[in-house]
Protein backbone atom coordinates (compact mmCIF):
# COMPACT_ATOMS: atom_id res chain seq x y z
CA MET A 1 -33.37 157.22 91.42
CA ASN A 2 -35.78 159.04 93.25
CA ARG A 3 -38.37 157.47 95.33
CA LEU A 4 -41.29 157.14 93.48
CA ASP A 5 -39.37 155.56 90.49
CA THR A 6 -38.08 152.86 93.15
CA GLU A 7 -41.65 152.05 94.06
CA LEU A 8 -42.64 151.79 90.80
CA ARG A 9 -39.82 149.57 89.49
CA CYS A 10 -41.11 147.19 92.46
CA SER A 11 -44.34 147.13 91.15
CA LEU A 12 -43.22 146.10 87.85
CA ALA A 13 -41.22 143.55 89.17
CA ASP A 14 -44.17 142.19 90.83
CA LEU A 15 -45.93 142.16 87.72
CA GLU A 16 -43.30 140.49 86.10
CA ARG A 17 -43.13 137.63 88.61
CA ASN A 18 -46.69 136.83 88.26
CA GLY A 19 -46.81 136.99 84.51
CA LEU A 20 -48.62 140.46 84.29
CA ARG A 21 -46.50 142.60 82.81
CA ARG A 22 -47.16 144.30 79.29
CA ASN A 23 -44.93 145.58 76.41
CA LEU A 24 -45.57 147.41 73.49
CA ARG A 25 -44.66 145.60 70.19
CA ILE A 26 -43.88 147.22 67.09
CA ILE A 27 -45.61 146.69 64.18
CA ALA A 28 -44.27 147.99 60.75
CA SER A 29 -47.20 147.41 58.24
CA GLU A 30 -50.50 148.14 57.91
CA HIS A 31 -52.95 146.16 59.84
CA GLY A 32 -54.23 143.46 57.45
CA PRO A 33 -54.75 139.43 57.80
CA ARG A 34 -50.77 139.70 57.89
CA VAL A 35 -48.70 142.07 59.65
CA VAL A 36 -44.80 142.96 59.64
CA HIS A 37 -43.12 142.41 63.39
CA ASN A 38 -39.44 142.43 64.23
CA GLY A 39 -38.79 142.14 60.42
CA VAL A 40 -41.09 138.76 59.99
CA ASN A 41 -44.30 138.44 58.08
CA LEU A 42 -46.83 137.08 60.57
CA ILE A 43 -50.68 136.38 60.42
CA MET A 44 -52.31 138.96 62.42
CA LEU A 45 -54.99 136.85 64.72
CA CYS A 46 -55.86 139.34 67.65
CA SER A 47 -57.20 142.63 65.94
CA ASN A 48 -60.58 143.87 65.74
CA ASN A 49 -60.56 144.87 62.35
CA TYR A 50 -63.30 142.56 61.92
CA LEU A 51 -64.26 143.58 58.26
CA GLY A 52 -61.09 144.07 56.89
CA LEU A 53 -61.51 147.66 56.33
CA ALA A 54 -58.34 149.30 58.28
CA ALA A 55 -56.72 149.51 54.96
CA HIS A 56 -59.13 149.61 52.33
CA PRO A 57 -58.14 151.54 49.59
CA LEU A 58 -61.53 153.74 49.49
CA VAL A 59 -60.99 154.38 53.10
CA LYS A 60 -57.46 155.38 52.90
CA LYS A 61 -58.52 157.50 50.06
CA ALA A 62 -61.21 159.37 52.22
CA ALA A 63 -58.95 159.95 54.62
CA ILE A 64 -56.01 161.38 52.64
CA ALA A 65 -58.96 163.85 50.74
CA ALA A 66 -60.20 164.84 54.05
CA ALA A 67 -56.91 165.79 55.60
CA GLU A 68 -55.76 167.37 52.53
CA ARG A 69 -58.89 169.83 52.56
CA TYR A 70 -59.57 170.28 56.35
CA GLY A 71 -55.80 169.44 57.74
CA VAL A 72 -55.34 167.05 60.05
CA GLY A 73 -56.65 168.48 63.63
CA ALA A 74 -59.91 169.70 64.69
CA GLY A 75 -58.19 172.82 66.36
CA ALA A 76 -60.28 172.64 69.71
CA SER A 77 -63.69 171.11 71.43
CA ARG A 78 -66.23 171.21 68.43
CA LEU A 79 -68.31 173.71 70.98
CA VAL A 80 -65.19 175.95 70.45
CA ALA A 81 -63.56 175.50 67.30
CA GLY A 82 -66.60 174.61 65.15
CA ASN A 83 -68.29 171.12 63.85
CA LEU A 84 -66.30 170.20 60.48
CA GLU A 85 -68.60 168.90 57.95
CA PRO A 86 -66.78 165.17 57.75
CA ILE A 87 -68.10 164.85 61.34
CA ARG A 88 -71.84 166.12 60.55
CA ARG A 89 -72.03 163.63 57.68
CA LEU A 90 -70.52 160.61 60.10
CA GLU A 91 -73.24 161.72 62.34
CA ALA A 92 -75.97 161.56 60.03
CA ASN A 93 -74.97 158.18 58.70
CA LEU A 94 -74.62 156.58 61.97
CA ALA A 95 -78.19 157.68 62.61
CA ASP A 96 -79.12 155.99 59.58
CA LEU A 97 -77.19 152.87 60.52
CA LYS A 98 -78.86 152.71 63.87
CA LYS A 99 -82.13 153.77 62.69
CA THR A 100 -82.23 156.55 65.50
CA GLU A 101 -83.04 160.46 65.53
CA ALA A 102 -79.53 161.35 65.75
CA ALA A 103 -75.91 160.70 66.70
CA LEU A 104 -72.55 162.66 68.57
CA VAL A 105 -69.33 161.34 67.61
CA PHE A 106 -66.75 160.94 70.59
CA GLY A 107 -63.10 160.88 70.43
CA SER A 108 -62.64 157.11 71.57
CA GLY A 109 -65.18 154.50 73.13
CA TYR A 110 -63.86 154.88 76.46
CA LEU A 111 -64.57 158.87 76.41
CA ALA A 112 -68.19 157.93 75.21
CA ASN A 113 -68.86 155.54 77.92
CA LEU A 114 -67.49 157.68 80.67
CA GLY A 115 -69.39 160.83 79.33
CA VAL A 116 -72.57 159.24 78.80
CA ILE A 117 -72.73 157.30 82.28
CA ASN A 118 -71.59 160.14 83.97
CA ALA A 119 -74.39 162.93 82.29
CA LEU A 120 -77.35 160.60 82.87
CA VAL A 121 -76.59 159.18 86.01
CA GLY A 122 -75.61 160.36 89.39
CA PRO A 123 -76.24 160.72 93.45
CA GLY A 124 -79.74 159.40 93.93
CA ASP A 125 -79.76 156.94 90.61
CA ALA A 126 -78.87 153.47 90.31
CA VAL A 127 -76.78 152.07 87.58
CA PHE A 128 -76.77 148.26 86.79
CA SER A 129 -73.91 146.81 85.25
CA ASP A 130 -72.82 143.26 83.76
CA GLU A 131 -69.69 142.10 85.87
CA LEU A 132 -68.19 141.42 82.72
CA ASN A 133 -68.62 144.76 81.20
CA HIS A 134 -65.79 146.41 79.16
CA ALA A 135 -63.45 148.83 81.67
CA SER A 136 -64.91 151.91 80.13
CA LEU A 137 -68.50 151.05 81.28
CA ILE A 138 -67.10 149.90 84.43
CA ASP A 139 -65.05 153.12 85.27
CA GLY A 140 -68.24 155.34 83.75
CA CYS A 141 -70.23 153.61 86.65
CA ARG A 142 -67.90 154.05 89.46
CA LEU A 143 -67.14 157.99 88.43
CA SER A 144 -70.92 158.72 88.23
CA LYS A 145 -71.51 158.71 92.19
CA ALA A 146 -74.78 156.63 91.26
CA ALA A 147 -75.36 153.57 93.57
CA VAL A 148 -73.56 150.89 91.48
CA ARG A 149 -74.99 147.29 91.42
CA ILE A 150 -73.30 144.75 89.83
CA TYR A 151 -74.98 141.73 88.31
CA ARG A 152 -73.80 138.08 87.71
CA HIS A 153 -72.64 138.02 83.94
CA CYS A 154 -75.92 137.97 81.78
CA ASP A 155 -78.10 136.47 84.74
CA PHE A 156 -81.48 138.56 83.96
CA ASP A 157 -82.68 136.93 87.35
CA HIS A 158 -80.21 138.65 89.40
CA LEU A 159 -80.72 141.64 87.46
CA ARG A 160 -84.48 141.34 88.13
CA ALA A 161 -83.64 141.31 92.05
CA LEU A 162 -81.36 143.98 91.79
CA LEU A 163 -83.95 146.40 89.83
CA GLU A 164 -86.65 145.09 92.62
CA GLN A 165 -84.31 146.47 95.43
CA ALA A 166 -84.16 150.02 93.66
CA VAL A 167 -87.48 150.84 93.10
CA SER A 168 -86.37 154.17 95.10
CA ALA A 169 -84.02 155.63 92.82
CA ARG A 170 -84.67 158.57 90.99
CA ARG A 171 -83.55 157.25 87.64
CA ARG A 172 -82.43 153.55 86.92
CA LEU A 173 -79.88 153.15 83.83
CA ILE A 174 -79.19 149.36 82.84
CA VAL A 175 -75.32 149.35 81.20
CA THR A 176 -74.28 145.96 78.93
CA ASP A 177 -72.05 145.23 76.26
CA SER A 178 -73.98 143.47 73.19
CA ILE A 179 -71.14 141.08 72.47
CA PHE A 180 -68.71 140.74 75.17
CA SER A 181 -65.27 141.24 73.91
CA MET A 182 -63.29 138.63 76.02
CA ASP A 183 -65.64 135.87 75.99
CA GLY A 184 -67.77 136.41 72.63
CA ASP A 185 -71.08 135.72 74.15
CA PHE A 186 -74.29 137.90 73.71
CA ALA A 187 -76.20 139.72 76.08
CA PRO A 188 -79.66 138.49 76.48
CA LEU A 189 -81.13 141.75 75.44
CA ARG A 190 -84.67 140.78 75.05
CA GLU A 191 -84.87 139.77 78.67
CA ILE A 192 -83.04 143.05 79.99
CA VAL A 193 -85.36 145.32 77.28
CA GLU A 194 -88.30 143.49 79.16
CA LEU A 195 -87.08 144.07 82.91
CA ALA A 196 -86.54 147.70 81.64
CA ARG A 197 -90.26 148.39 80.98
CA ARG A 198 -91.19 146.55 84.02
CA PHE A 199 -89.02 148.63 86.43
CA ASP A 200 -89.24 151.84 84.26
CA ALA A 201 -85.33 151.58 83.63
CA ALA A 202 -83.40 152.99 80.74
CA VAL A 203 -80.95 150.81 78.67
CA MET A 204 -77.63 151.50 77.42
CA ILE A 205 -75.78 149.06 75.39
CA ASP A 206 -72.37 149.40 74.10
CA GLU A 207 -72.14 147.63 70.47
CA ALA A 208 -68.36 147.96 70.04
CA HIS A 209 -67.91 144.27 68.94
CA ALA A 210 -71.24 143.78 67.18
CA VAL A 211 -71.32 146.63 64.49
CA GLY A 212 -69.93 145.09 61.35
CA VAL A 213 -70.31 141.81 62.83
CA LEU A 214 -74.45 141.21 63.42
CA GLY A 215 -77.54 142.76 62.13
CA PRO A 216 -79.15 144.28 59.08
CA ASP A 217 -76.31 146.32 57.49
CA GLY A 218 -73.77 145.48 60.19
CA ALA A 219 -76.20 147.44 62.50
CA GLY A 220 -75.36 145.35 65.82
CA LEU A 221 -76.96 142.86 68.00
CA ALA A 222 -80.13 145.15 68.69
CA ALA A 223 -80.81 145.21 65.09
CA GLU A 224 -80.78 141.52 64.57
CA LEU A 225 -83.14 141.15 67.45
CA GLY A 226 -85.36 144.06 66.13
CA LEU A 227 -85.03 145.95 69.53
CA GLU A 228 -83.54 149.47 67.85
CA LYS A 229 -86.39 151.43 69.67
CA GLU A 230 -86.39 149.70 72.58
CA ILE A 231 -83.00 150.70 73.50
CA ASP A 232 -82.50 154.14 74.93
CA VAL A 233 -78.59 154.54 74.44
CA HIS A 234 -76.67 153.31 71.45
CA VAL A 235 -72.80 153.25 71.84
CA GLY A 236 -70.43 151.80 69.52
CA THR A 237 -66.78 152.54 68.12
CA LEU A 238 -65.25 153.34 64.66
CA SER A 239 -62.05 151.61 65.83
CA LYS A 240 -63.03 148.11 64.97
CA ALA A 241 -65.21 146.57 61.97
CA LEU A 242 -65.15 150.28 61.10
CA GLY A 243 -61.48 150.42 60.72
CA SER A 244 -60.71 153.88 61.84
CA TYR A 245 -60.69 155.64 65.20
CA GLY A 246 -63.42 157.59 67.40
CA ALA A 247 -67.07 156.40 68.77
CA TYR A 248 -70.38 157.23 68.93
CA VAL A 249 -73.74 157.57 70.79
CA ALA A 250 -77.02 157.39 68.86
CA GLY A 251 -80.48 158.06 70.27
CA SER A 252 -83.13 160.38 70.22
CA SER A 253 -82.42 164.01 69.34
CA VAL A 254 -83.06 165.16 73.34
CA LEU A 255 -80.76 162.48 74.17
CA ILE A 256 -77.85 163.78 71.62
CA ASP A 257 -78.81 167.35 72.87
CA PHE A 258 -78.42 166.65 76.25
CA LEU A 259 -74.98 165.10 75.91
CA VAL A 260 -73.79 168.00 74.00
CA ASN A 261 -74.62 170.15 77.11
CA ARG A 262 -73.66 167.69 79.69
CA ALA A 263 -71.05 164.83 78.59
CA ARG A 264 -67.64 166.50 79.82
CA SER A 265 -65.68 163.93 78.00
CA PHE A 266 -67.26 165.56 74.91
CA ILE A 267 -67.22 169.13 75.85
CA TYR A 268 -63.37 169.27 77.05
CA THR A 269 -62.23 167.14 74.44
CA THR A 270 -60.71 168.31 70.73
CA GLY A 271 -62.93 166.78 68.06
CA LEU A 272 -62.22 163.78 66.17
CA PRO A 273 -59.67 164.37 63.18
CA PRO A 274 -61.56 165.08 60.01
CA ALA A 275 -59.53 162.46 58.09
CA LEU A 276 -60.64 159.45 60.76
CA ALA A 277 -64.39 160.88 60.59
CA ALA A 278 -64.31 160.74 56.76
CA ALA A 279 -62.57 157.01 56.82
CA ALA A 280 -65.34 155.98 59.10
CA ASP A 281 -67.98 157.48 57.20
CA THR A 282 -66.57 155.50 54.10
CA ALA A 283 -66.15 152.29 56.02
CA ILE A 284 -70.11 152.55 56.81
CA GLU A 285 -71.03 152.65 53.12
CA ILE A 286 -68.54 149.94 52.18
CA MET A 287 -70.11 147.63 55.06
CA LYS A 288 -73.55 148.53 53.71
CA ALA A 289 -72.80 147.70 50.08
CA GLU A 290 -70.57 144.78 50.59
CA PRO A 291 -72.96 142.35 52.84
CA GLN A 292 -70.47 139.45 51.67
CA ARG A 293 -67.80 140.83 54.25
CA ILE A 294 -69.84 139.86 57.33
CA ARG A 295 -70.83 136.53 55.79
CA ARG A 296 -67.11 135.87 55.24
CA LEU A 297 -66.29 136.89 58.61
CA TRP A 298 -68.44 134.25 59.84
CA SER A 299 -67.49 131.62 57.67
CA ASN A 300 -64.07 132.13 58.44
CA ALA A 301 -64.44 132.05 62.27
CA ALA A 302 -66.59 129.01 61.72
CA HIS A 303 -63.96 127.50 60.06
CA LEU A 304 -61.28 128.30 62.79
CA ARG A 305 -63.38 127.04 65.43
CA GLN A 306 -64.01 123.94 64.07
CA ARG A 307 -60.30 123.00 63.49
CA LEU A 308 -59.63 124.24 67.17
CA ALA A 309 -62.47 122.49 68.63
CA GLN A 310 -61.88 119.22 66.82
CA ALA A 311 -57.84 119.56 68.25
CA GLY A 312 -59.63 119.50 71.81
CA PHE A 313 -59.33 123.19 72.66
CA ALA A 314 -61.92 124.92 74.78
CA LEU A 315 -63.57 127.78 73.47
CA GLY A 316 -65.99 128.74 76.18
CA SER A 317 -69.34 130.27 75.38
CA SER A 318 -68.56 132.06 72.59
CA ARG A 319 -71.26 132.71 69.70
CA SER A 320 -69.36 135.32 67.96
CA PRO A 321 -66.05 135.25 65.78
CA ILE A 322 -64.21 136.33 68.78
CA LEU A 323 -62.49 132.94 70.01
CA PRO A 324 -61.41 132.89 73.55
CA LEU A 325 -58.73 130.04 73.91
CA HIS A 326 -58.70 129.16 77.16
CA ILE A 327 -55.44 128.49 78.82
CA GLY A 328 -55.79 128.97 82.77
CA GLU A 329 -52.49 130.63 84.32
CA ALA A 330 -51.34 133.85 82.98
CA GLN A 331 -47.50 132.38 82.91
CA THR A 332 -48.74 129.28 80.34
CA ALA A 333 -50.75 131.87 78.22
CA ILE A 334 -47.48 134.07 78.06
CA ALA A 335 -45.61 130.78 76.96
CA MET A 336 -48.02 129.80 73.99
CA ALA A 337 -48.33 133.34 72.73
CA ALA A 338 -44.54 133.51 72.63
CA ARG A 339 -44.43 129.81 70.81
CA LEU A 340 -46.68 130.96 68.07
CA LEU A 341 -44.85 134.20 67.32
CA GLU A 342 -42.07 131.96 66.74
CA LEU A 343 -44.39 130.11 64.68
CA GLY A 344 -45.36 133.03 62.55
CA VAL A 345 -48.97 133.73 64.36
CA TYR A 346 -49.60 137.11 66.30
CA VAL A 347 -51.73 136.54 69.06
CA ILE A 348 -51.42 138.38 72.59
CA ALA A 349 -51.81 136.51 76.17
CA ILE A 350 -55.38 138.11 77.72
CA ARG A 351 -54.42 137.96 81.64
CA PRO A 352 -55.84 139.44 84.84
CA PRO A 353 -57.01 142.25 85.34
CA THR A 354 -58.74 142.23 82.09
CA VAL A 355 -60.06 138.81 83.14
CA PRO A 356 -60.56 136.88 86.31
CA ALA A 357 -57.82 134.88 87.74
CA GLY A 358 -57.11 131.71 86.44
CA THR A 359 -58.86 132.19 83.38
CA ALA A 360 -55.87 133.56 81.14
CA ARG A 361 -56.40 133.30 77.09
CA LEU A 362 -55.44 133.65 73.97
CA ARG A 363 -58.45 135.77 72.27
CA ILE A 364 -58.35 134.83 68.83
CA THR A 365 -60.33 136.97 66.13
CA PRO A 366 -60.08 135.50 62.45
CA THR A 367 -61.18 138.63 60.23
CA ALA A 368 -63.29 139.03 56.83
CA ALA A 369 -59.87 139.57 54.84
CA HIS A 370 -58.26 136.27 56.02
CA SER A 371 -57.98 133.44 53.62
CA ILE A 372 -58.70 129.74 54.45
CA ALA A 373 -55.16 129.24 53.76
CA ASP A 374 -54.17 131.62 56.37
CA LEU A 375 -56.35 130.05 59.15
CA ASP A 376 -55.46 126.84 58.40
CA GLU A 377 -51.70 127.91 58.89
CA ALA A 378 -52.51 129.48 61.77
CA ALA A 379 -54.48 126.65 63.21
CA ASP A 380 -51.69 124.09 62.57
CA ALA A 381 -49.05 126.36 64.69
CA ILE A 382 -51.82 126.78 67.50
CA ILE A 383 -52.32 122.97 67.51
CA GLN A 384 -48.63 122.42 67.78
CA SER A 385 -48.22 124.73 70.38
CA GLY A 386 -50.82 123.54 72.30
CA ARG A 387 -49.87 120.03 72.31
CA GLU A 388 -46.22 120.95 73.29
CA LEU A 389 -47.48 122.82 76.00
CA ARG A 390 -49.59 119.71 76.82
CA LEU A 391 -52.97 121.53 76.87
CA ILE A 392 -54.29 119.26 74.51
């Protein structure tokens, strides 16, 4: 064994001892309310497939038709090999959904956030980031070479103080998730917009966990609050409620033109496969046409939340269908996830560095596709395992 492998093996052993080592698990079915793992049918409660569209027949049909007509791959960067029609249609649909002038599709949410932040700010600028933002926003800020100012979670008084200290910056950019993926709470968008106006700052929000969950037609938190026009940069993914893969940025036509020319993670990445673009485009149409899916998502989340809260579980400050079951120590969270697997429920333990030390949790996400019977079966298993581990 070479020196590098020896050192890496030691690092993996440290992760194992601290309950932080991760492993991939094979799913042998489509992603729905139930999945097959190791030949066992399990209730899936940790997917972001909020509206149950990942395996919708029309979404699959659209992907197959696009693959048959346009092939599997995009060939190269869209600036090199051309812009395929399914992507053009998707971008027009996204701009309409977000009520913006234009939209631009990226290969993933991570690529979108890295590309946008690095294109918009740099040396001499200041970027303000919520301390619990997604890793892609955090890394985008770090790589930008702008002065990074981290404000306490959803603390607009702290944000205001930091903005006051950065009045000499060439450009000020506030970046935040709209729904925070690990806690399920909402960013104080109204207050952020007010501060942005006062301090001449731009606002960028990541609606990854809000599109398909909130707002008219599932357009997100900004739309829910009537703030679409007050947000300079709308970012979101195609891989959660829309059931496909990829991401988008929506905003003014000037912004999108600028990103086509300056966002390195767009310029130097092969375009999104046409089948995925067509799938996401169809998912948007289904989301608009079937608002009952969003209502069912919230109803299912409320049912499961009530069952777990009545049993004595702490669910934190979540206001969304994301239900963080706070456990505490990583090893205990792992033990509970393993026991749930035995009881027929697929949930993963969320541990540092994804969440702060001592706040390990099970991130539970019911979807619109779950039945009440599914949720009651899962709740029974969660309550049983929690009692066995003396968590309740």
